[in-house]
């Protein structure tokens, strides 16, 4: 079978490798599509070589069909369409024993710490498998993992109907959070600087503010009758974003930290005291977030056609990464690799 190996220095190598049998408690999946995410690009840049090495099959945002079942696997059948929740926890650390296995102290991320989905057949732990309902295309289902991230973020923020929500950063995850928050009944505003992303968000019906042209905090205050945003999602990973998140929040507002900040940003702790703000961390997802993501994709609550802006074959994986990395326009939202036939 064919597999695409990241080999360091922004390069990939397509290889023919053996197709091993799935081990006990594993499921082998015939991969159809795999999305490229920010973490994959981080690895592509070489920033994760110390963790993943330079001979790794990347990929975790995927869809496919069950090809074979390992020993002891029950409740699943060959041919079922599935997606994979790419987390493997230790089951013994303090987080796991408290039922928080998604933030296991020894978490293994499939497709980074192990070989991933950029191969025609991928064997994974059976507990990571989520089946898809009839009628969901495997192309659209490849969005499940990033939609699950957004579902977890919105759930952590305890978003309620008619609440005012501000999302700082309108990239793929920010836009998915906007869709999930809207599905929860919230009034959503995005803050974004990229004109192409602003156009996409507005085309989807979202109120969008450009901080280069508008005082976003003042605009949010005005739009909410001086109250501010009940929930703020910081998705930009910028110092400007952390300043805005406190400036725009309502009294007892909830701020969800989605972005991974590479340096420690300054945070207005006085504002936290003055308005009794709440800062909430959000990392990856739990099983119910995957279930909700699948339901939203199936119902059309996620505009998959708008989110998927490019599809390339496995043979062109290197060019697909390079094109996404070189894109300064921001017009690309989600790029998919077609690994195998979808049916």
C-alpha atoms as a PDB file:
ATOM      1  CA  UNK A   1       0.000   0.000   0.000  1.00  0.00           C
ATOM      2  CA  UNK A   2       1.051   3.616  -0.489  1.00  0.00           C
ATOM      3  CA  UNK A   3       1.952   5.975   2.340  1.00  0.00           C
ATOM      4  CA  UNK A   4       3.274   9.543   2.449  1.00  0.00           C
ATOM      5  CA  UNK A   5       6.160  10.004   4.901  1.00  0.00           C
ATOM      6  CA  UNK A   6       7.220  13.377   6.246  1.00  0.00           C
ATOM      7  CA  UNK A   7      11.016  13.243   5.890  1.00  0.00           C
ATOM      8  CA  UNK A   8      12.087  16.579   7.362  1.00  0.00           C
ATOM      9  CA  UNK A   9      12.897  19.971   5.833  1.00  0.00           C
ATOM     10  CA  UNK A  10       9.386  20.429   4.376  1.00  0.00           C
ATOM     11  CA  UNK A  11       9.580  17.291   2.296  1.00  0.00           C
ATOM     12  CA  UNK A  12       7.448  14.172   1.840  1.00  0.00           C
ATOM     13  CA  UNK A  13       8.279  10.834   0.276  1.00  0.00           C
ATOM     14  CA  UNK A  14       5.648   8.483  -1.164  1.00  0.00           C
ATOM     15  CA  UNK A  15       6.538   4.874  -0.378  1.00  0.00           C
ATOM     16  CA  UNK A  16       5.086   1.430  -0.949  1.00  0.00           C
ATOM     17  CA  UNK A  17       4.896  -0.291   2.428  1.00  0.00           C
ATOM     18  CA  UNK A  18       3.539  -3.564   3.753  1.00  0.00           C
ATOM     19  CA  UNK A  19      -0.054  -3.715   4.922  1.00  0.00           C
ATOM     20  CA  UNK A  20       0.088  -5.268   8.398  1.00  0.00           C
ATOM     21  CA  UNK A  21      -2.853  -7.052   9.984  1.00  0.00           C
ATOM     22  CA  UNK A  22      -4.721  -5.061  12.655  1.00  0.00           C
ATOM     23  CA  UNK A  23      -3.660  -6.078  16.145  1.00  0.00           C
ATOM     24  CA  UNK A  24      -6.054  -7.239  18.827  1.00  0.00           C
ATOM     25  CA  UNK A  25      -8.465  -4.440  19.825  1.00  0.00           C
ATOM     26  CA  UNK A  26      -7.613  -2.539  16.642  1.00  0.00           C
ATOM     27  CA  UNK A  27      -9.616  -1.607  13.567  1.00  0.00           C
ATOM     28  CA  UNK A  28      -8.095  -1.216  10.123  1.00  0.00           C
ATOM     29  CA  UNK A  29      -9.620   1.677   8.163  1.00  0.00           C
ATOM     30  CA  UNK A  30      -9.378   2.222   4.417  1.00  0.00           C
ATOM     31  CA  UNK A  31      -8.673   5.960   4.392  1.00  0.00           C
ATOM     32  CA  UNK A  32     -10.664   8.119   1.981  1.00  0.00           C
ATOM     33  CA  UNK A  33      -9.796  11.734   2.866  1.00  0.00           C
ATOM     34  CA  UNK A  34      -7.430  13.466   5.264  1.00  0.00           C
ATOM     35  CA  UNK A  35      -7.424  17.167   6.136  1.00  0.00           C
ATOM     36  CA  UNK A  36      -4.332  19.308   6.671  1.00  0.00           C
ATOM     37  CA  UNK A  37      -4.415  21.298   9.904  1.00  0.00           C
ATOM     38  CA  UNK A  38      -2.243  23.886  11.619  1.00  0.00           C
ATOM     39  CA  UNK A  39      -0.484  21.230  13.679  1.00  0.00           C
ATOM     40  CA  UNK A  40       0.429  19.360  10.500  1.00  0.00           C
ATOM     41  CA  UNK A  41       1.882  22.571   9.074  1.00  0.00           C
ATOM     42  CA  UNK A  42       3.808  23.092  12.318  1.00  0.00           C
ATOM     43  CA  UNK A  43       5.302  19.626  11.829  1.00  0.00           C
ATOM     44  CA  UNK A  44       5.971  20.377   8.152  1.00  0.00           C
ATOM     45  CA  UNK A  45       8.012  23.414   9.213  1.00  0.00           C
ATOM     46  CA  UNK A  46      10.283  21.130  11.251  1.00  0.00           C
ATOM     47  CA  UNK A  47       9.163  22.526  14.596  1.00  0.00           C
ATOM     48  CA  UNK A  48       8.147  19.069  15.859  1.00  0.00           C
ATOM     49  CA  UNK A  49      11.081  16.993  14.567  1.00  0.00           C
ATOM     50  CA  UNK A  50      12.252  16.341  18.111  1.00  0.00           C
ATOM     51  CA  UNK A  51       8.893  14.735  18.869  1.00  0.00           C
ATOM     52  CA  UNK A  52       7.934  12.983  15.642  1.00  0.00           C
ATOM     53  CA  UNK A  53      11.283  12.409  13.920  1.00  0.00           C
ATOM     54  CA  UNK A  54      11.824  12.646  10.164  1.00  0.00           C
ATOM     55  CA  UNK A  55      10.146   9.452   8.984  1.00  0.00           C
ATOM     56  CA  UNK A  56       6.546   9.876  10.105  1.00  0.00           C
ATOM     57  CA  UNK A  57       3.211   9.352   8.379  1.00  0.00           C
ATOM     58  CA  UNK A  58       1.187  12.396   9.418  1.00  0.00           C
ATOM     59  CA  UNK A  59      -2.581  12.846   9.343  1.00  0.00           C
ATOM     60  CA  UNK A  60      -5.427  12.704  11.841  1.00  0.00           C
ATOM     61  CA  UNK A  61      -8.371  14.655  10.320  1.00  0.00           C
ATOM     62  CA  UNK A  62      -9.725  11.764   8.320  1.00  0.00           C
ATOM     63  CA  UNK A  63     -12.650   9.721   7.068  1.00  0.00           C
ATOM     64  CA  UNK A  64     -12.843   6.234   5.625  1.00  0.00           C
ATOM     65  CA  UNK A  65     -14.429   2.794   5.854  1.00  0.00           C
ATOM     66  CA  UNK A  66     -13.642  -0.146   8.088  1.00  0.00           C
ATOM     67  CA  UNK A  67     -11.578  -2.688   6.168  1.00  0.00           C
ATOM     68  CA  UNK A  68     -10.797  -5.329   8.817  1.00  0.00           C
ATOM     69  CA  UNK A  69     -11.405  -5.933  12.514  1.00  0.00           C
ATOM     70  CA  UNK A  70      -8.751  -7.132  14.917  1.00  0.00           C
ATOM     71  CA  UNK A  71      -9.396  -9.791  17.538  1.00  0.00           C
ATOM     72  CA  UNK A  72     -11.768  -8.848  20.383  1.00  0.00           C
ATOM     73  CA  UNK A  73     -13.423  -5.982  18.459  1.00  0.00           C
ATOM     74  CA  UNK A  74     -17.215  -6.028  18.691  1.00  0.00           C
ATOM     75  CA  UNK A  75     -20.011  -3.666  17.681  1.00  0.00           C
ATOM     76  CA  UNK A  76     -18.363  -2.673  14.411  1.00  0.00           C
ATOM     77  CA  UNK A  77     -18.490  -4.177  10.913  1.00  0.00           C
ATOM     78  CA  UNK A  78     -16.450  -4.133   7.757  1.00  0.00           C
ATOM     79  CA  UNK A  79     -17.585  -1.492   5.293  1.00  0.00           C
ATOM     80  CA  UNK A  80     -18.948   0.922   7.889  1.00  0.00           C
ATOM     81  CA  UNK A  81     -18.089   4.592   7.214  1.00  0.00           C
ATOM     82  CA  UNK A  82     -16.112   6.023  10.114  1.00  0.00           C
ATOM     83  CA  UNK A  83     -13.976   8.820  11.460  1.00  0.00           C
ATOM     84  CA  UNK A  84     -11.252   8.539  14.081  1.00  0.00           C
ATOM     85  CA  UNK A  85     -10.855  10.438  17.359  1.00  0.00           C
ATOM     86  CA  UNK A  86      -7.043  10.381  17.335  1.00  0.00           C
ATOM     87  CA  UNK A  87      -6.290  10.219  21.058  1.00  0.00           C
ATOM     88  CA  UNK A  88      -4.821   7.389  23.104  1.00  0.00           C
ATOM     89  CA  UNK A  89      -4.621   7.890  26.859  1.00  0.00           C
ATOM     90  CA  UNK A  90      -2.730   5.991  29.538  1.00  0.00           C
ATOM     91  CA  UNK A  91      -5.758   5.320  31.770  1.00  0.00           C
ATOM     92  CA  UNK A  92      -3.731   5.657  34.957  1.00  0.00           C
ATOM     93  CA  UNK A  93      -2.667   9.296  35.426  1.00  0.00           C
ATOM     94  CA  UNK A  94      -4.590  11.772  37.639  1.00  0.00           C
ATOM     95  CA  UNK A  95      -6.461  13.214  34.645  1.00  0.00           C
ATOM     96  CA  UNK A  96      -7.517   9.792  33.381  1.00  0.00           C
ATOM     97  CA  UNK A  97      -8.679   8.597  36.790  1.00  0.00           C
ATOM     98  CA  UNK A  98     -10.860  11.727  37.014  1.00  0.00           C
ATOM     99  CA  UNK A  99     -12.512  10.921  33.688  1.00  0.00           C
ATOM    100  CA  UNK A 100     -10.493  13.508  31.738  1.00  0.00           C
ATOM    101  CA  UNK A 101      -8.639  11.164  29.427  1.00  0.00           C
ATOM    102  CA  UNK A 102      -8.553  13.760  26.611  1.00  0.00           C
ATOM    103  CA  UNK A 103      -6.045  15.730  28.699  1.00  0.00           C
ATOM    104  CA  UNK A 104      -4.148  12.658  29.892  1.00  0.00           C
ATOM    105  CA  UNK A 105      -0.731  13.538  31.325  1.00  0.00           C
ATOM    106  CA  UNK A 106       0.764  10.967  28.940  1.00  0.00           C
ATOM    107  CA  UNK A 107      -1.522  11.538  25.958  1.00  0.00           C
ATOM    108  CA  UNK A 108      -0.497   9.964  22.660  1.00  0.00           C
ATOM    109  CA  UNK A 109      -1.810  11.749  19.579  1.00  0.00           C
ATOM    110  CA  UNK A 110      -2.417   9.418  16.642  1.00  0.00           C
ATOM    111  CA  UNK A 111      -0.856  10.827  13.495  1.00  0.00           C
ATOM    112  CA  UNK A 112       1.883  12.635  15.419  1.00  0.00           C
ATOM    113  CA  UNK A 113       3.178  10.329  18.152  1.00  0.00           C
ATOM    114  CA  UNK A 114       2.233   7.380  15.934  1.00  0.00           C
ATOM    115  CA  UNK A 115       1.911   7.009  12.171  1.00  0.00           C
ATOM    116  CA  UNK A 116      -1.275   8.576  10.868  1.00  0.00           C
ATOM    117  CA  UNK A 117      -3.840   8.635   8.096  1.00  0.00           C
ATOM    118  CA  UNK A 118      -1.761   9.661   5.067  1.00  0.00           C
ATOM    119  CA  UNK A 119      -1.651   5.990   4.071  1.00  0.00           C
ATOM    120  CA  UNK A 120      -4.168   3.829   2.275  1.00  0.00           C
ATOM    121  CA  UNK A 121      -4.901   1.617   5.299  1.00  0.00           C
ATOM    122  CA  UNK A 122      -4.585   2.773   8.896  1.00  0.00           C
ATOM    123  CA  UNK A 123      -4.938   0.581  11.989  1.00  0.00           C
ATOM    124  CA  UNK A 124      -6.180   2.379  15.105  1.00  0.00           C
ATOM    125  CA  UNK A 125      -7.491   1.442  18.569  1.00  0.00           C
ATOM    126  CA  UNK A 126     -11.137   0.417  18.363  1.00  0.00           C
ATOM    127  CA  UNK A 127     -12.074   2.926  21.075  1.00  0.00           C
ATOM    128  CA  UNK A 128     -11.085   5.753  18.717  1.00  0.00           C
ATOM    129  CA  UNK A 129     -13.646   4.801  16.047  1.00  0.00           C
ATOM    130  CA  UNK A 130     -16.865   6.798  15.514  1.00  0.00           C
ATOM    131  CA  UNK A 131     -19.336   5.505  12.940  1.00  0.00           C
ATOM    132  CA  UNK A 132     -21.131   7.805  10.506  1.00  0.00           C
ATOM    133  CA  UNK A 133     -24.850   7.889   9.734  1.00  0.00           C
ATOM    134  CA  UNK A 134     -26.160   7.078   6.285  1.00  0.00           C
ATOM    135  CA  UNK A 135     -25.987   9.888   3.760  1.00  0.00           C
ATOM    136  CA  UNK A 136     -22.909  11.720   5.058  1.00  0.00           C
ATOM    137  CA  UNK A 137     -20.247  12.014   2.360  1.00  0.00           C
ATOM    138  CA  UNK A 138     -16.775  10.925   3.364  1.00  0.00           C
ATOM    139  CA  UNK A 139     -15.459  14.177   1.904  1.00  0.00           C
ATOM    140  CA  UNK A 140     -17.542  16.240   4.329  1.00  0.00           C
ATOM    141  CA  UNK A 141     -16.928  13.792   7.178  1.00  0.00           C
ATOM    142  CA  UNK A 142     -13.198  14.548   6.984  1.00  0.00           C
ATOM    143  CA  UNK A 143     -14.082  17.812   8.770  1.00  0.00           C
ATOM    144  CA  UNK A 144     -15.267  15.948  11.869  1.00  0.00           C
ATOM    145  CA  UNK A 145     -12.079  16.325  13.904  1.00  0.00           C
ATOM    146  CA  UNK A 146     -11.784  20.140  13.603  1.00  0.00           C
ATOM    147  CA  UNK A 147     -15.565  20.495  14.076  1.00  0.00           C
ATOM    148  CA  UNK A 148     -15.192  18.434  17.267  1.00  0.00           C
ATOM    149  CA  UNK A 149     -12.568  20.942  18.435  1.00  0.00           C
ATOM    150  CA  UNK A 150     -15.128  23.720  17.904  1.00  0.00           C
ATOM    151  CA  UNK A 151     -17.853  21.726  19.675  1.00  0.00           C
ATOM    152  CA  UNK A 152     -15.571  21.234  22.681  1.00  0.00           C
ATOM    153  CA  UNK A 153     -14.691  24.936  22.743  1.00  0.00           C
ATOM    154  CA  UNK A 154     -18.340  25.999  22.633  1.00  0.00           C
ATOM    155  CA  UNK A 155     -19.277  23.450  25.284  1.00  0.00           C
ATOM    156  CA  UNK A 156     -16.455  24.651  27.531  1.00  0.00           C
ATOM    157  CA  UNK A 157     -17.748  28.201  27.071  1.00  0.00           C
ATOM    158  CA  UNK A 158     -21.261  27.105  28.135  1.00  0.00           C
ATOM    159  CA  UNK A 159     -22.765  29.089  25.265  1.00  0.00           C
ATOM    160  CA  UNK A 160     -26.518  29.622  25.663  1.00  0.00           C
ATOM    161  CA  UNK A 161     -29.244  30.747  23.233  1.00  0.00           C
ATOM    162  CA  UNK A 162     -29.339  34.533  22.640  1.00  0.00           C
ATOM    163  CA  UNK A 163     -25.948  35.112  24.270  1.00  0.00           C
ATOM    164  CA  UNK A 164     -23.563  37.498  22.536  1.00  0.00           C
ATOM    165  CA  UNK A 165     -20.406  35.732  21.377  1.00  0.00           C
ATOM    166  CA  UNK A 166     -17.197  37.293  20.055  1.00  0.00           C
ATOM    167  CA  UNK A 167     -14.667  35.140  18.212  1.00  0.00           C
ATOM    168  CA  UNK A 168     -11.208  36.650  17.823  1.00  0.00           C
ATOM    169  CA  UNK A 169      -9.662  35.088  14.706  1.00  0.00           C
ATOM    170  CA  UNK A 170     -11.622  33.914  11.675  1.00  0.00           C
ATOM    171  CA  UNK A 171      -9.426  31.094  10.407  1.00  0.00           C
ATOM    172  CA  UNK A 172     -10.703  27.524  10.022  1.00  0.00           C
ATOM    173  CA  UNK A 173     -11.203  26.846  13.744  1.00  0.00           C
ATOM    174  CA  UNK A 174     -12.584  30.318  14.434  1.00  0.00           C
ATOM    175  CA  UNK A 175     -15.109  29.962  11.631  1.00  0.00           C
ATOM    176  CA  UNK A 176     -16.123  26.493  12.828  1.00  0.00           C
ATOM    177  CA  UNK A 177     -16.605  27.846  16.352  1.00  0.00           C
ATOM    178  CA  UNK A 178     -18.830  30.524  14.832  1.00  0.00           C
ATOM    179  CA  UNK A 179     -20.981  27.869  13.119  1.00  0.00           C
ATOM    180  CA  UNK A 180     -21.254  25.734  16.263  1.00  0.00           C
ATOM    181  CA  UNK A 181     -22.075  28.772  18.437  1.00  0.00           C
ATOM    182  CA  UNK A 182     -24.732  29.865  15.948  1.00  0.00           C
ATOM    183  CA  UNK A 183     -26.201  26.351  16.028  1.00  0.00           C
ATOM    184  CA  UNK A 184     -26.403  26.776  19.821  1.00  0.00           C
ATOM    185  CA  UNK A 185     -28.518  29.900  19.288  1.00  0.00           C
ATOM    186  CA  UNK A 186     -25.904  32.563  20.011  1.00  0.00           C
ATOM    187  CA  UNK A 187     -25.470  35.949  18.341  1.00  0.00           C
ATOM    188  CA  UNK A 188     -22.019  35.670  16.785  1.00  0.00           C
ATOM    189  CA  UNK A 189     -19.477  38.333  15.801  1.00  0.00           C
ATOM    190  CA  UNK A 190     -16.014  37.609  14.410  1.00  0.00           C
ATOM    191  CA  UNK A 191     -12.932  39.814  14.612  1.00  0.00           C
ATOM    192  CA  UNK A 192     -10.550  39.156  11.707  1.00  0.00           C
ATOM    193  CA  UNK A 193      -7.910  41.101   9.769  1.00  0.00           C
ATOM    194  CA  UNK A 194      -7.633  39.007   6.595  1.00  0.00           C
ATOM    195  CA  UNK A 195      -9.905  40.379   3.833  1.00  0.00           C
ATOM    196  CA  UNK A 196     -10.457  36.965   2.225  1.00  0.00           C
ATOM    197  CA  UNK A 197     -11.485  35.401   5.521  1.00  0.00           C
ATOM    198  CA  UNK A 198     -13.727  38.373   6.278  1.00  0.00           C
ATOM    199  CA  UNK A 199     -15.443  37.832   2.926  1.00  0.00           C
ATOM    200  CA  UNK A 200     -15.958  34.119   3.647  1.00  0.00           C
ATOM    201  CA  UNK A 201     -17.393  34.834   7.105  1.00  0.00           C
ATOM    202  CA  UNK A 202     -19.722  37.506   5.791  1.00  0.00           C
ATOM    203  CA  UNK A 203     -20.810  35.192   2.989  1.00  0.00           C
ATOM    204  CA  UNK A 204     -21.870  32.735   5.694  1.00  0.00           C
ATOM    205  CA  UNK A 205     -23.931  35.444   7.361  1.00  0.00           C
ATOM    206  CA  UNK A 206     -21.672  36.363  10.270  1.00  0.00           C
ATOM    207  CA  UNK A 207     -21.190  39.899  11.551  1.00  0.00           C
ATOM    208  CA  UNK A 208     -17.485  40.601  11.106  1.00  0.00           C
ATOM    209  CA  UNK A 209     -15.267  43.407  12.374  1.00  0.00           C
ATOM    210  CA  UNK A 210     -11.784  44.342  11.129  1.00  0.00           C
ATOM    211  CA  UNK A 211      -9.665  45.674  14.028  1.00  0.00           C
ATOM    212  CA  UNK A 212      -7.525  47.633  11.556  1.00  0.00           C
ATOM    213  CA  UNK A 213     -10.572  49.729  10.753  1.00  0.00           C
ATOM    214  CA  UNK A 214     -12.773  49.477  13.840  1.00  0.00           C
ATOM    215  CA  UNK A 215     -12.371  49.589  17.606  1.00  0.00           C
ATOM    216  CA  UNK A 216     -13.759  46.081  18.049  1.00  0.00           C
ATOM    217  CA  UNK A 217     -14.340  46.326  21.803  1.00  0.00           C
ATOM    218  CA  UNK A 218     -16.233  49.597  21.387  1.00  0.00           C
ATOM    219  CA  UNK A 219     -18.281  48.154  18.528  1.00  0.00           C
ATOM    220  CA  UNK A 220     -19.202  45.092  20.602  1.00  0.00           C
ATOM    221  CA  UNK A 221     -20.185  47.300  23.535  1.00  0.00           C
ATOM    222  CA  UNK A 222     -22.351  49.440  21.289  1.00  0.00           C
ATOM    223  CA  UNK A 223     -24.021  46.427  19.646  1.00  0.00           C
ATOM    224  CA  UNK A 224     -24.832  44.879  23.032  1.00  0.00           C
ATOM    225  CA  UNK A 225     -26.131  48.015  24.773  1.00  0.00           C
ATOM    226  CA  UNK A 226     -22.805  48.539  26.624  1.00  0.00           C
ATOM    227  CA  UNK A 227     -22.994  45.004  28.085  1.00  0.00           C
ATOM    228  CA  UNK A 228     -20.200  43.331  26.098  1.00  0.00           C
ATOM    229  CA  UNK A 229     -19.793  39.762  24.909  1.00  0.00           C
ATOM    230  CA  UNK A 230     -21.084  37.036  27.207  1.00  0.00           C
ATOM    231  CA  UNK A 231     -18.520  34.611  25.766  1.00  0.00           C
ATOM    232  CA  UNK A 232     -15.245  35.447  24.014  1.00  0.00           C
ATOM    233  CA  UNK A 233     -13.160  32.890  22.128  1.00  0.00           C
ATOM    234  CA  UNK A 234      -9.490  33.828  21.674  1.00  0.00           C
ATOM    235  CA  UNK A 235      -8.427  31.967  18.525  1.00  0.00           C
ATOM    236  CA  UNK A 236      -5.864  34.369  17.080  1.00  0.00           C
ATOM    237  CA  UNK A 237      -2.858  33.527  19.252  1.00  0.00           C
ATOM    238  CA  UNK A 238      -1.808  37.188  19.262  1.00  0.00           C
ATOM    239  CA  UNK A 239      -1.117  39.771  21.964  1.00  0.00           C
ATOM    240  CA  UNK A 240      -3.757  41.971  20.353  1.00  0.00           C
ATOM    241  CA  UNK A 241      -6.222  39.130  20.754  1.00  0.00           C
ATOM    242  CA  UNK A 242      -5.530  38.734  24.469  1.00  0.00           C
ATOM    243  CA  UNK A 243      -5.989  42.475  24.956  1.00  0.00           C
ATOM    244  CA  UNK A 244      -9.284  42.436  23.090  1.00  0.00           C
ATOM    245  CA  UNK A 245     -10.645  39.399  24.926  1.00  0.00           C
ATOM    246  CA  UNK A 246     -10.759  41.257  28.242  1.00  0.00           C
ATOM    247  CA  UNK A 247     -11.767  44.620  26.769  1.00  0.00           C
ATOM    248  CA  UNK A 248     -14.822  43.182  25.001  1.00  0.00           C
ATOM    249  CA  UNK A 249     -16.103  40.812  27.705  1.00  0.00           C
ATOM    250  CA  UNK A 250     -19.274  41.477  29.666  1.00  0.00           C
ATOM    251  CA  UNK A 251     -19.431  41.429  33.462  1.00  0.00           C
ATOM    252  CA  UNK A 252     -18.950  37.787  34.482  1.00  0.00           C
ATOM    253  CA  UNK A 253     -18.117  37.060  30.881  1.00  0.00           C
ATOM    254  CA  UNK A 254     -16.477  33.780  29.973  1.00  0.00           C
ATOM    255  CA  UNK A 255     -13.265  33.798  27.949  1.00  0.00           C
ATOM    256  CA  UNK A 256     -12.265  30.547  26.237  1.00  0.00           C
ATOM    257  CA  UNK A 257      -8.587  30.229  25.354  1.00  0.00           C
ATOM    258  CA  UNK A 258      -8.501  28.234  22.117  1.00  0.00           C
ATOM    259  CA  UNK A 259      -5.243  29.419  20.528  1.00  0.00           C
ATOM    260  CA  UNK A 260      -1.857  28.016  21.480  1.00  0.00           C
ATOM    261  CA  UNK A 261       0.253  31.037  22.394  1.00  0.00           C
ATOM    262  CA  UNK A 262       3.951  30.416  21.748  1.00  0.00           C
ATOM    263  CA  UNK A 263       4.992  33.160  24.185  1.00  0.00           C
ATOM    264  CA  UNK A 264       3.400  34.317  27.430  1.00  0.00           C
ATOM    265  CA  UNK A 265       1.135  37.226  26.498  1.00  0.00           C
ATOM    266  CA  UNK A 266       0.286  40.086  28.862  1.00  0.00           C
ATOM    267  CA  UNK A 267      -3.210  39.689  30.334  1.00  0.00           C
ATOM    268  CA  UNK A 268      -5.266  42.442  31.991  1.00  0.00           C
ATOM    269  CA  UNK A 269      -5.799  40.822  35.390  1.00  0.00           C
ATOM    270  CA  UNK A 270      -7.374  44.001  36.741  1.00  0.00           C
ATOM    271  CA  UNK A 271     -10.173  43.551  34.213  1.00  0.00           C
ATOM    272  CA  UNK A 272     -10.643  40.007  35.504  1.00  0.00           C
ATOM    273  CA  UNK A 273     -11.034  41.393  39.016  1.00  0.00           C
ATOM    274  CA  UNK A 274     -13.180  44.376  38.031  1.00  0.00           C
ATOM    275  CA  UNK A 275     -15.697  42.419  35.950  1.00  0.00           C
ATOM    276  CA  UNK A 276     -15.399  38.996  37.609  1.00  0.00           C
ATOM    277  CA  UNK A 277     -14.309  37.427  34.341  1.00  0.00           C
ATOM    278  CA  UNK A 278     -13.709  33.722  33.897  1.00  0.00           C
ATOM    279  CA  UNK A 279     -10.834  32.262  31.837  1.00  0.00           C
ATOM    280  CA  UNK A 280     -11.397  28.755  30.491  1.00  0.00           C
ATOM    281  CA  UNK A 281      -8.849  26.473  28.854  1.00  0.00           C
ATOM    282  CA  UNK A 282      -9.975  24.245  25.997  1.00  0.00           C
ATOM    283  CA  UNK A 283      -7.907  21.424  24.524  1.00  0.00           C
ATOM    284  CA  UNK A 284      -8.887  18.911  21.828  1.00  0.00           C
ATOM    285  CA  UNK A 285     -12.195  17.073  22.473  1.00  0.00           C
ATOM    286  CA  UNK A 286     -14.110  14.327  24.216  1.00  0.00           C
ATOM    287  CA  UNK A 287     -16.250  11.563  22.679  1.00  0.00           C
ATOM    288  CA  UNK A 288     -19.473  13.587  22.944  1.00  0.00           C
ATOM    289  CA  UNK A 289     -17.833  16.393  20.971  1.00  0.00           C
ATOM    290  CA  UNK A 290     -17.184  13.971  18.100  1.00  0.00           C
ATOM    291  CA  UNK A 291     -20.778  12.793  18.255  1.00  0.00           C
ATOM    292  CA  UNK A 292     -22.050  16.372  18.115  1.00  0.00           C
ATOM    293  CA  UNK A 293     -19.684  17.196  15.246  1.00  0.00           C
ATOM    294  CA  UNK A 294     -20.970  14.260  13.217  1.00  0.00           C
ATOM    295  CA  UNK A 295     -24.567  15.325  13.881  1.00  0.00           C
ATOM    296  CA  UNK A 296     -23.869  18.924  12.822  1.00  0.00           C
ATOM    297  CA  UNK A 297     -22.186  17.830   9.599  1.00  0.00           C
ATOM    298  CA  UNK A 298     -25.046  15.433   8.850  1.00  0.00           C
ATOM    299  CA  UNK A 299     -27.696  18.111   9.478  1.00  0.00           C
ATOM    300  CA  UNK A 300     -25.965  20.839   7.472  1.00  0.00           C
ATOM    301  CA  UNK A 301     -25.203  22.932  10.549  1.00  0.00           C
ATOM    302  CA  UNK A 302     -21.635  23.026   9.260  1.00  0.00           C
ATOM    303  CA  UNK A 303     -21.205  24.469   5.760  1.00  0.00           C
ATOM    304  CA  UNK A 304     -18.748  21.814   4.575  1.00  0.00           C
ATOM    305  CA  UNK A 305     -18.797  23.014   0.958  1.00  0.00           C
ATOM    306  CA  UNK A 306     -17.491  26.427   1.996  1.00  0.00           C
ATOM    307  CA  UNK A 307     -14.951  25.046   4.442  1.00  0.00           C
ATOM    308  CA  UNK A 308     -13.356  22.585   1.987  1.00  0.00           C
ATOM    309  CA  UNK A 309     -11.481  24.792  -0.461  1.00  0.00           C
ATOM    310  CA  UNK A 310      -9.019  22.321  -2.029  1.00  0.00           C
ATOM    311  CA  UNK A 311      -8.631  18.570  -2.601  1.00  0.00           C
ATOM    312  CA  UNK A 312      -5.409  16.955  -3.855  1.00  0.00           C
ATOM    313  CA  UNK A 313      -4.400  13.304  -4.403  1.00  0.00           C
ATOM    314  CA  UNK A 314      -1.980  11.543  -2.062  1.00  0.00           C
ATOM    315  CA  UNK A 315       0.705  11.685  -4.745  1.00  0.00           C
ATOM    316  CA  UNK A 316       0.646  15.487  -4.524  1.00  0.00           C
ATOM    317  CA  UNK A 317       0.780  15.753  -0.731  1.00  0.00           C
ATOM    318  CA  UNK A 318       4.043  17.721  -0.799  1.00  0.00           C
ATOM    319  CA  UNK A 319       2.645  20.254  -3.250  1.00  0.00           C
ATOM    320  CA  UNK A 320      -0.547  20.522  -1.208  1.00  0.00           C
ATOM    321  CA  UNK A 321       1.402  21.349   1.970  1.00  0.00           C
ATOM    322  CA  UNK A 322       3.620  23.820   0.108  1.00  0.00           C
ATOM    323  CA  UNK A 323       0.633  25.558  -1.478  1.00  0.00           C
ATOM    324  CA  UNK A 324      -1.148  25.862   1.847  1.00  0.00           C
ATOM    325  CA  UNK A 325       2.018  27.080   3.533  1.00  0.00           C
ATOM    326  CA  UNK A 326       2.727  29.655   0.823  1.00  0.00           C
ATOM    327  CA  UNK A 327      -0.825  30.968   0.667  1.00  0.00           C
ATOM    328  CA  UNK A 328      -0.830  34.540   1.943  1.00  0.00           C
ATOM    329  CA  UNK A 329      -4.343  35.267   0.718  1.00  0.00           C
ATOM    330  CA  UNK A 330      -6.152  33.389   3.448  1.00  0.00           C
ATOM    331  CA  UNK A 331      -8.601  32.102   0.855  1.00  0.00           C
ATOM    332  CA  UNK A 332      -7.913  28.473   1.794  1.00  0.00           C
ATOM    333  CA  UNK A 333      -9.919  27.175   4.723  1.00  0.00           C
ATOM    334  CA  UNK A 334      -9.523  23.396   4.720  1.00  0.00           C
ATOM    335  CA  UNK A 335      -7.352  21.458   2.281  1.00  0.00           C
ATOM    336  CA  UNK A 336      -8.004  17.725   1.936  1.00  0.00           C
ATOM    337  CA  UNK A 337      -5.827  14.934   0.637  1.00  0.00           C
ATOM    338  CA  UNK A 338      -7.693  12.231  -1.257  1.00  0.00           C
ATOM    339  CA  UNK A 339      -5.907   9.150   0.056  1.00  0.00           C
ATOM    340  CA  UNK A 340      -8.127   6.489  -1.512  1.00  0.00           C
ATOM    341  CA  UNK A 341     -11.428   6.039  -3.269  1.00  0.00           C
ATOM    342  CA  UNK A 342     -14.300   7.418  -1.142  1.00  0.00           C
ATOM    343  CA  UNK A 343     -16.548   4.384  -1.753  1.00  0.00           C
END
